[in-house]
């Protein structure tokens, strides 16, 4: 039994997979599995939700900005 692992970004319903040429004419099983979310996307959401509900405004900095804009 031959196993071929192909990682490919799908941008069409029609696939061109030259890696499968040796298997032409044979019966094969094809399984398509979506990859999990990348770490970059996950960590961006984690950072957002970690800040949700926290008061991160510096009141003194806010007062200084208000005073400077009143000039």
PDB file of N, CA and C in Angstrom:
ATOM      1  N   UNK A   1       0.856  -1.175   0.000  1.00  0.00           N
ATOM      2  CA  UNK A   1       0.000   0.000   0.000  1.00  0.00           C
ATOM      3  C   UNK A   1       0.897   1.231   0.000  1.00  0.00           C
ATOM      4  N   UNK A   2       0.600   2.164  -0.863  1.00  0.00           N
ATOM      5  CA  UNK A   2       1.365   3.395  -0.993  1.00  0.00           C
ATOM      6  C   UNK A   2       0.563   4.542  -0.383  1.00  0.00           C
ATOM      7  N   UNK A   3       1.220   5.387   0.412  1.00  0.00           N
ATOM      8  CA  UNK A   3       0.567   6.537   1.031  1.00  0.00           C
ATOM      9  C   UNK A   3       1.235   7.808   0.513  1.00  0.00           C
ATOM     10  N   UNK A   4       0.435   8.733   0.058  1.00  0.00           N
ATOM     11  CA  UNK A   4       0.942  10.026  -0.404  1.00  0.00           C
ATOM     12  C   UNK A   4       0.224  11.109   0.388  1.00  0.00           C
ATOM     13  N   UNK A   5       0.998  11.989   1.007  1.00  0.00           N
ATOM     14  CA  UNK A   5       0.427  13.097   1.768  1.00  0.00           C
ATOM     15  C   UNK A   5       0.638  14.368   0.955  1.00  0.00           C
ATOM     16  N   UNK A   6      -0.450  15.057   0.638  1.00  0.00           N
ATOM     17  CA  UNK A   6      -0.386  16.284  -0.148  1.00  0.00           C
ATOM     18  C   UNK A   6      -1.021  17.401   0.669  1.00  0.00           C
ATOM     19  N   UNK A   7      -0.282  18.476   0.854  1.00  0.00           N
ATOM     20  CA  UNK A   7      -0.818  19.647   1.553  1.00  0.00           C
ATOM     21  C   UNK A   7      -0.972  20.741   0.512  1.00  0.00           C
ATOM     22  N   UNK A   8      -2.197  21.210   0.324  1.00  0.00           N
ATOM     23  CA  UNK A   8      -2.467  22.148  -0.764  1.00  0.00           C
ATOM     24  C   UNK A   8      -3.568  23.115  -0.352  1.00  0.00           C
ATOM     25  N   UNK A   9      -3.407  24.387  -0.704  1.00  0.00           N
ATOM     26  CA  UNK A   9      -4.457  25.388  -0.482  1.00  0.00           C
ATOM     27  C   UNK A   9      -5.453  25.275  -1.633  1.00  0.00           C
ATOM     28  N   UNK A  10      -6.707  25.073  -1.309  1.00  0.00           N
ATOM     29  CA  UNK A  10      -7.729  24.925  -2.346  1.00  0.00           C
ATOM     30  C   UNK A  10      -8.224  26.296  -2.794  1.00  0.00           C
ATOM     31  N   UNK A  11      -8.143  26.537  -4.088  1.00  0.00           N
ATOM     32  CA  UNK A  11      -8.662  27.782  -4.631  1.00  0.00           C
ATOM     33  C   UNK A  11      -9.595  27.525  -5.816  1.00  0.00           C
ATOM     34  N   UNK A  12      -9.946  26.251  -6.009  1.00  0.00           N
ATOM     35  CA  UNK A  12     -10.827  25.870  -7.103  1.00  0.00           C
ATOM     36  C   UNK A  12     -11.456  24.520  -6.776  1.00  0.00           C
ATOM     37  N   UNK A  13     -12.561  24.211  -7.445  1.00  0.00           N
ATOM     38  CA  UNK A  13     -13.178  22.895  -7.283  1.00  0.00           C
ATOM     39  C   UNK A  13     -12.415  21.833  -8.055  1.00  0.00           C
ATOM     40  N   UNK A  14     -11.611  22.253  -9.007  1.00  0.00           N
ATOM     41  CA  UNK A  14     -10.843  21.327  -9.832  1.00  0.00           C
ATOM     42  C   UNK A  14      -9.408  21.274  -9.326  1.00  0.00           C
ATOM     43  N   UNK A  15      -8.935  20.076  -9.005  1.00  0.00           N
ATOM     44  CA  UNK A  15      -7.577  19.909  -8.489  1.00  0.00           C
ATOM     45  C   UNK A  15      -6.653  19.358  -9.559  1.00  0.00           C
ATOM     46  N   UNK A  16      -5.433  19.844  -9.571  1.00  0.00           N
ATOM     47  CA  UNK A  16      -4.383  19.302 -10.433  1.00  0.00           C
ATOM     48  C   UNK A  16      -3.331  18.728  -9.491  1.00  0.00           C
ATOM     49  N   UNK A  17      -3.241  17.406  -9.421  1.00  0.00           N
ATOM     50  CA  UNK A  17      -2.340  16.733  -8.483  1.00  0.00           C
ATOM     51  C   UNK A  17      -1.408  15.786  -9.229  1.00  0.00           C
ATOM     52  N   UNK A  18      -0.304  16.300  -9.770  1.00  0.00           N
ATOM     53  CA  UNK A  18       0.620  15.441 -10.511  1.00  0.00           C
ATOM     54  C   UNK A  18       1.260  14.363  -9.632  1.00  0.00           C
ATOM     55  N   UNK A  19       1.225  14.543  -8.313  1.00  0.00           N
ATOM     56  CA  UNK A  19       1.789  13.549  -7.395  1.00  0.00           C
ATOM     57  C   UNK A  19       1.052  12.214  -7.487  1.00  0.00           C
ATOM     58  N   UNK A  20      -0.179  12.238  -7.985  1.00  0.00           N
ATOM     59  CA  UNK A  20      -0.988  11.021  -8.059  1.00  0.00           C
ATOM     60  C   UNK A  20      -0.800  10.246  -9.359  1.00  0.00           C
ATOM     61  N   UNK A  21       0.047  10.725 -10.240  1.00  0.00           N
ATOM     62  CA  UNK A  21       0.243  10.085 -11.545  1.00  0.00           C
ATOM     63  C   UNK A  21       0.598   8.597 -11.426  1.00  0.00           C
ATOM     64  N   UNK A  22       1.455   8.185 -10.462  1.00  0.00           N
ATOM     65  CA  UNK A  22       1.776   6.752 -10.355  1.00  0.00           C
ATOM     66  C   UNK A  22       0.576   5.878  -9.985  1.00  0.00           C
ATOM     67  N   UNK A  23      -0.479   6.485  -9.475  1.00  0.00           N
ATOM     68  CA  UNK A  23      -1.651   5.722  -9.039  1.00  0.00           C
ATOM     69  C   UNK A  23      -2.776   5.706 -10.073  1.00  0.00           C
ATOM     70  N   UNK A  24      -2.565   6.332 -11.219  1.00  0.00           N
ATOM     71  CA  UNK A  24      -3.601   6.344 -12.257  1.00  0.00           C
ATOM     72  C   UNK A  24      -3.978   4.918 -12.648  1.00  0.00           C
ATOM     73  N   UNK A  25      -5.264   4.662 -12.761  1.00  0.00           N
ATOM     74  CA  UNK A  25      -5.755   3.342 -13.124  1.00  0.00           C
ATOM     75  C   UNK A  25      -5.974   2.427 -11.938  1.00  0.00           C
ATOM     76  N   UNK A  26      -5.600   2.873 -10.746  1.00  0.00           N
ATOM     77  CA  UNK A  26      -5.779   2.059  -9.538  1.00  0.00           C
ATOM     78  C   UNK A  26      -6.936   2.618  -8.715  1.00  0.00           C
ATOM     79  N   UNK A  27      -7.521   1.776  -7.880  1.00  0.00           N
ATOM     80  CA  UNK A  27      -8.567   2.219  -6.975  1.00  0.00           C
ATOM     81  C   UNK A  27      -7.908   2.794  -5.730  1.00  0.00           C
ATOM     82  N   UNK A  28      -8.269   4.019  -5.377  1.00  0.00           N
ATOM     83  CA  UNK A  28      -7.675   4.689  -4.219  1.00  0.00           C
ATOM     84  C   UNK A  28      -8.783   5.282  -3.352  1.00  0.00           C
ATOM     85  N   UNK A  29      -8.449   5.588  -2.130  1.00  0.00           N
ATOM     86  CA  UNK A  29      -9.353   6.300  -1.229  1.00  0.00           C
ATOM     87  C   UNK A  29      -8.790   7.704  -1.057  1.00  0.00           C
ATOM     88  N   UNK A  30      -9.636   8.708  -1.253  1.00  0.00           N
ATOM     89  CA  UNK A  30      -9.208  10.094  -1.115  1.00  0.00           C
ATOM     90  C   UNK A  30      -9.953  10.701   0.068  1.00  0.00           C
ATOM     91  N   UNK A  31      -9.201  11.230   1.028  1.00  0.00           N
ATOM     92  CA  UNK A  31      -9.770  11.872   2.208  1.00  0.00           C
ATOM     93  C   UNK A  31      -9.284  13.315   2.219  1.00  0.00           C
ATOM     94  N   UNK A  32     -10.204  14.260   2.356  1.00  0.00           N
ATOM     95  CA  UNK A  32      -9.845  15.673   2.437  1.00  0.00           C
ATOM     96  C   UNK A  32     -10.197  16.144   3.837  1.00  0.00           C
ATOM     97  N   UNK A  33      -9.220  16.733   4.519  1.00  0.00           N
ATOM     98  CA  UNK A  33      -9.420  17.197   5.893  1.00  0.00           C
ATOM     99  C   UNK A  33      -8.944  18.642   5.991  1.00  0.00           C
ATOM    100  N   UNK A  34      -9.791  19.507   6.510  1.00  0.00           N
ATOM    101  CA  UNK A  34      -9.410  20.904   6.697  1.00  0.00           C
ATOM    102  C   UNK A  34      -8.454  20.996   7.875  1.00  0.00           C
ATOM    103  N   UNK A  35      -7.391  21.781   7.715  1.00  0.00           N
ATOM    104  CA  UNK A  35      -6.429  21.946   8.792  1.00  0.00           C
ATOM    105  C   UNK A  35      -7.012  22.836   9.879  1.00  0.00           C
ATOM    106  N   UNK A  36      -6.536  22.636  11.086  1.00  0.00           N
ATOM    107  CA  UNK A  36      -6.965  23.457  12.212  1.00  0.00           C
ATOM    108  C   UNK A  36      -6.483  24.891  12.007  1.00  0.00           C
ATOM    109  N   UNK A  37      -7.091  25.818  12.721  1.00  0.00           N
ATOM    110  CA  UNK A  37      -6.699  27.217  12.647  1.00  0.00           C
ATOM    111  C   UNK A  37      -5.229  27.365  13.012  1.00  0.00           C
ATOM    112  N   UNK A  38      -4.549  28.244  12.305  1.00  0.00           N
ATOM    113  CA  UNK A  38      -3.123  28.444  12.573  1.00  0.00           C
ATOM    114  C   UNK A  38      -2.921  29.088  13.933  1.00  0.00           C
ATOM    115  N   UNK A  39      -1.744  28.935  14.480  1.00  0.00           N
ATOM    116  CA  UNK A  39      -1.427  29.511  15.785  1.00  0.00           C
ATOM    117  C   UNK A  39      -1.539  31.031  15.760  1.00  0.00           C
ATOM    118  N   UNK A  40      -1.170  31.661  14.655  1.00  0.00           N
ATOM    119  CA  UNK A  40      -1.246  33.115  14.561  1.00  0.00           C
ATOM    120  C   UNK A  40      -2.682  33.586  14.748  1.00  0.00           C
ATOM    121  N   UNK A  41      -3.625  32.967  14.058  1.00  0.00           N
ATOM    122  CA  UNK A  41      -5.020  33.357  14.192  1.00  0.00           C
ATOM    123  C   UNK A  41      -5.530  33.096  15.604  1.00  0.00           C
ATOM    124  N   UNK A  42      -5.173  31.949  16.155  1.00  0.00           N
ATOM    125  CA  UNK A  42      -5.620  31.594  17.499  1.00  0.00           C
ATOM    126  C   UNK A  42      -5.064  32.562  18.524  1.00  0.00           C
ATOM    127  N   UNK A  43      -3.773  32.885  18.446  1.00  0.00           N
ATOM    128  CA  UNK A  43      -3.174  33.759  19.444  1.00  0.00           C
ATOM    129  C   UNK A  43      -3.740  35.175  19.348  1.00  0.00           C
ATOM    130  N   UNK A  44      -4.118  35.619  18.161  1.00  0.00           N
ATOM    131  CA  UNK A  44      -4.714  36.949  18.021  1.00  0.00           C
ATOM    132  C   UNK A  44      -6.058  36.993  18.741  1.00  0.00           C
ATOM    133  N   UNK A  45      -6.868  35.973  18.594  1.00  0.00           N
ATOM    134  CA  UNK A  45      -8.144  35.929  19.298  1.00  0.00           C
ATOM    135  C   UNK A  45      -7.936  35.794  20.803  1.00  0.00           C
ATOM    136  N   UNK A  46      -6.980  34.983  21.211  1.00  0.00           N
ATOM    137  CA  UNK A  46      -6.714  34.811  22.637  1.00  0.00           C
ATOM    138  C   UNK A  46      -6.329  36.135  23.276  1.00  0.00           C
ATOM    139  N   UNK A  47      -5.488  36.920  22.598  1.00  0.00           N
ATOM    140  CA  UNK A  47      -5.067  38.217  23.132  1.00  0.00           C
ATOM    141  C   UNK A  47      -6.266  39.156  23.252  1.00  0.00           C
ATOM    142  N   UNK A  48      -7.141  39.136  22.262  1.00  0.00           N
ATOM    143  CA  UNK A  48      -8.331  39.988  22.302  1.00  0.00           C
ATOM    144  C   UNK A  48      -9.233  39.617  23.480  1.00  0.00           C
ATOM    145  N   UNK A  49      -9.542  38.332  23.615  1.00  0.00           N
ATOM    146  CA  UNK A  49     -10.448  37.906  24.678  1.00  0.00           C
ATOM    147  C   UNK A  49      -9.815  38.029  26.059  1.00  0.00           C
ATOM    148  N   UNK A  50      -8.497  37.980  26.145  1.00  0.00           N
ATOM    149  CA  UNK A  50      -7.834  38.169  27.434  1.00  0.00           C
ATOM    150  C   UNK A  50      -8.028  39.605  27.927  1.00  0.00           C
ATOM    151  N   UNK A  51      -8.116  40.564  27.003  1.00  0.00           N
ATOM    152  CA  UNK A  51      -8.315  41.968  27.380  1.00  0.00           C
ATOM    153  C   UNK A  51      -9.778  42.327  27.595  1.00  0.00           C
ATOM    154  N   UNK A  52     -10.681  41.523  27.082  1.00  0.00           N
ATOM    155  CA  UNK A  52     -12.108  41.826  27.197  1.00  0.00           C
ATOM    156  C   UNK A  52     -12.511  41.905  28.665  1.00  0.00           C
ATOM    157  N   UNK A  53     -13.198  42.968  29.018  1.00  0.00           N
ATOM    158  CA  UNK A  53     -13.675  43.132  30.387  1.00  0.00           C
ATOM    159  C   UNK A  53     -12.671  43.789  31.313  1.00  0.00           C
ATOM    160  N   UNK A  54     -11.472  44.068  30.828  1.00  0.00           N
ATOM    161  CA  UNK A  54     -10.472  44.724  31.668  1.00  0.00           C
ATOM    162  C   UNK A  54     -10.497  46.226  31.413  1.00  0.00           C
ATOM    163  N   UNK A  55     -10.236  46.995  32.448  1.00  0.00           N
ATOM    164  CA  UNK A  55     -10.140  48.443  32.306  1.00  0.00           C
ATOM    165  C   UNK A  55      -8.673  48.779  32.064  1.00  0.00           C
ATOM    166  N   UNK A  56      -8.330  49.047  30.817  1.00  0.00           N
ATOM    167  CA  UNK A  56      -6.928  49.306  30.472  1.00  0.00           C
ATOM    168  C   UNK A  56      -6.689  50.778  30.153  1.00  0.00           C
ATOM    169  N   UNK A  57      -7.666  51.645  30.464  1.00  0.00           N
ATOM    170  CA  UNK A  57      -7.512  53.078  30.218  1.00  0.00           C
ATOM    171  C   UNK A  57      -6.779  53.696  31.403  1.00  0.00           C
ATOM    172  N   UNK A  58      -5.742  54.470  31.097  1.00  0.00           N
ATOM    173  CA  UNK A  58      -4.989  55.190  32.130  1.00  0.00           C
ATOM    174  C   UNK A  58      -5.676  56.545  32.330  1.00  0.00           C
ATOM    175  N   UNK A  59      -6.348  56.755  33.468  1.00  0.00           N
ATOM    176  CA  UNK A  59      -7.101  57.998  33.664  1.00  0.00           C
ATOM    177  C   UNK A  59      -6.221  59.247  33.613  1.00  0.00           C
ATOM    178  N   UNK A  60      -5.002  59.152  34.103  1.00  0.00           N
ATOM    179  CA  UNK A  60      -4.103  60.312  34.086  1.00  0.00           C
ATOM    180  C   UNK A  60      -3.715  60.674  32.654  1.00  0.00           C
ATOM    181  N   UNK A  61      -3.433  59.674  31.836  1.00  0.00           N
ATOM    182  CA  UNK A  61      -3.098  59.930  30.434  1.00  0.00           C
ATOM    183  C   UNK A  61      -4.301  60.538  29.718  1.00  0.00           C
ATOM    184  N   UNK A  62      -5.491  60.081  30.044  1.00  0.00           N
ATOM    185  CA  UNK A  62      -6.718  60.618  29.451  1.00  0.00           C
ATOM    186  C   UNK A  62      -6.883  62.093  29.819  1.00  0.00           C
ATOM    187  N   UNK A  63      -6.623  62.438  31.072  1.00  0.00           N
ATOM    188  CA  UNK A  63      -6.729  63.836  31.516  1.00  0.00           C
ATOM    189  C   UNK A  63      -5.718  64.711  30.782  1.00  0.00           C
ATOM    190  N   UNK A  64      -4.493  64.210  30.605  1.00  0.00           N
ATOM    191  CA  UNK A  64      -3.459  64.976  29.904  1.00  0.00           C
ATOM    192  C   UNK A  64      -3.859  65.210  28.443  1.00  0.00           C
ATOM    193  N   UNK A  65      -4.417  64.212  27.800  1.00  0.00           N
ATOM    194  CA  UNK A  65      -4.854  64.369  26.414  1.00  0.00           C
ATOM    195  C   UNK A  65      -5.995  65.377  26.296  1.00  0.00           C
ATOM    196  N   UNK A  66      -6.935  65.335  27.236  1.00  0.00           N
ATOM    197  CA  UNK A  66      -8.053  66.288  27.229  1.00  0.00           C
ATOM    198  C   UNK A  66      -7.542  67.714  27.428  1.00  0.00           C
ATOM    199  N   UNK A  67      -6.590  67.879  28.354  1.00  0.00           N
ATOM    200  CA  UNK A  67      -6.031  69.210  28.612  1.00  0.00           C
ATOM    201  C   UNK A  67      -5.275  69.719  27.391  1.00  0.00           C
ATOM    202  N   UNK A  68      -4.522  68.857  26.738  1.00  0.00           N
ATOM    203  CA  UNK A  68      -3.746  69.265  25.566  1.00  0.00           C
ATOM    204  C   UNK A  68      -4.661  69.613  24.397  1.00  0.00           C
ATOM    205  N   UNK A  69      -5.789  68.948  24.258  1.00  0.00           N
ATOM    206  CA  UNK A  69      -6.683  69.219  23.132  1.00  0.00           C
ATOM    207  C   UNK A  69      -7.536  70.463  23.362  1.00  0.00           C
ATOM    208  N   UNK A  70      -7.579  70.968  24.590  1.00  0.00           N
ATOM    209  CA  UNK A  70      -8.375  72.151  24.902  1.00  0.00           C
ATOM    210  C   UNK A  70      -7.642  73.435  24.535  1.00  0.00           C
ATOM    211  N   UNK A  71      -6.393  73.348  24.171  1.00  0.00           N
ATOM    212  CA  UNK A  71      -5.613  74.555  23.853  1.00  0.00           C
ATOM    213  C   UNK A  71      -6.050  75.243  22.621  1.00  0.00           C
TER     214      UNK A  71
END
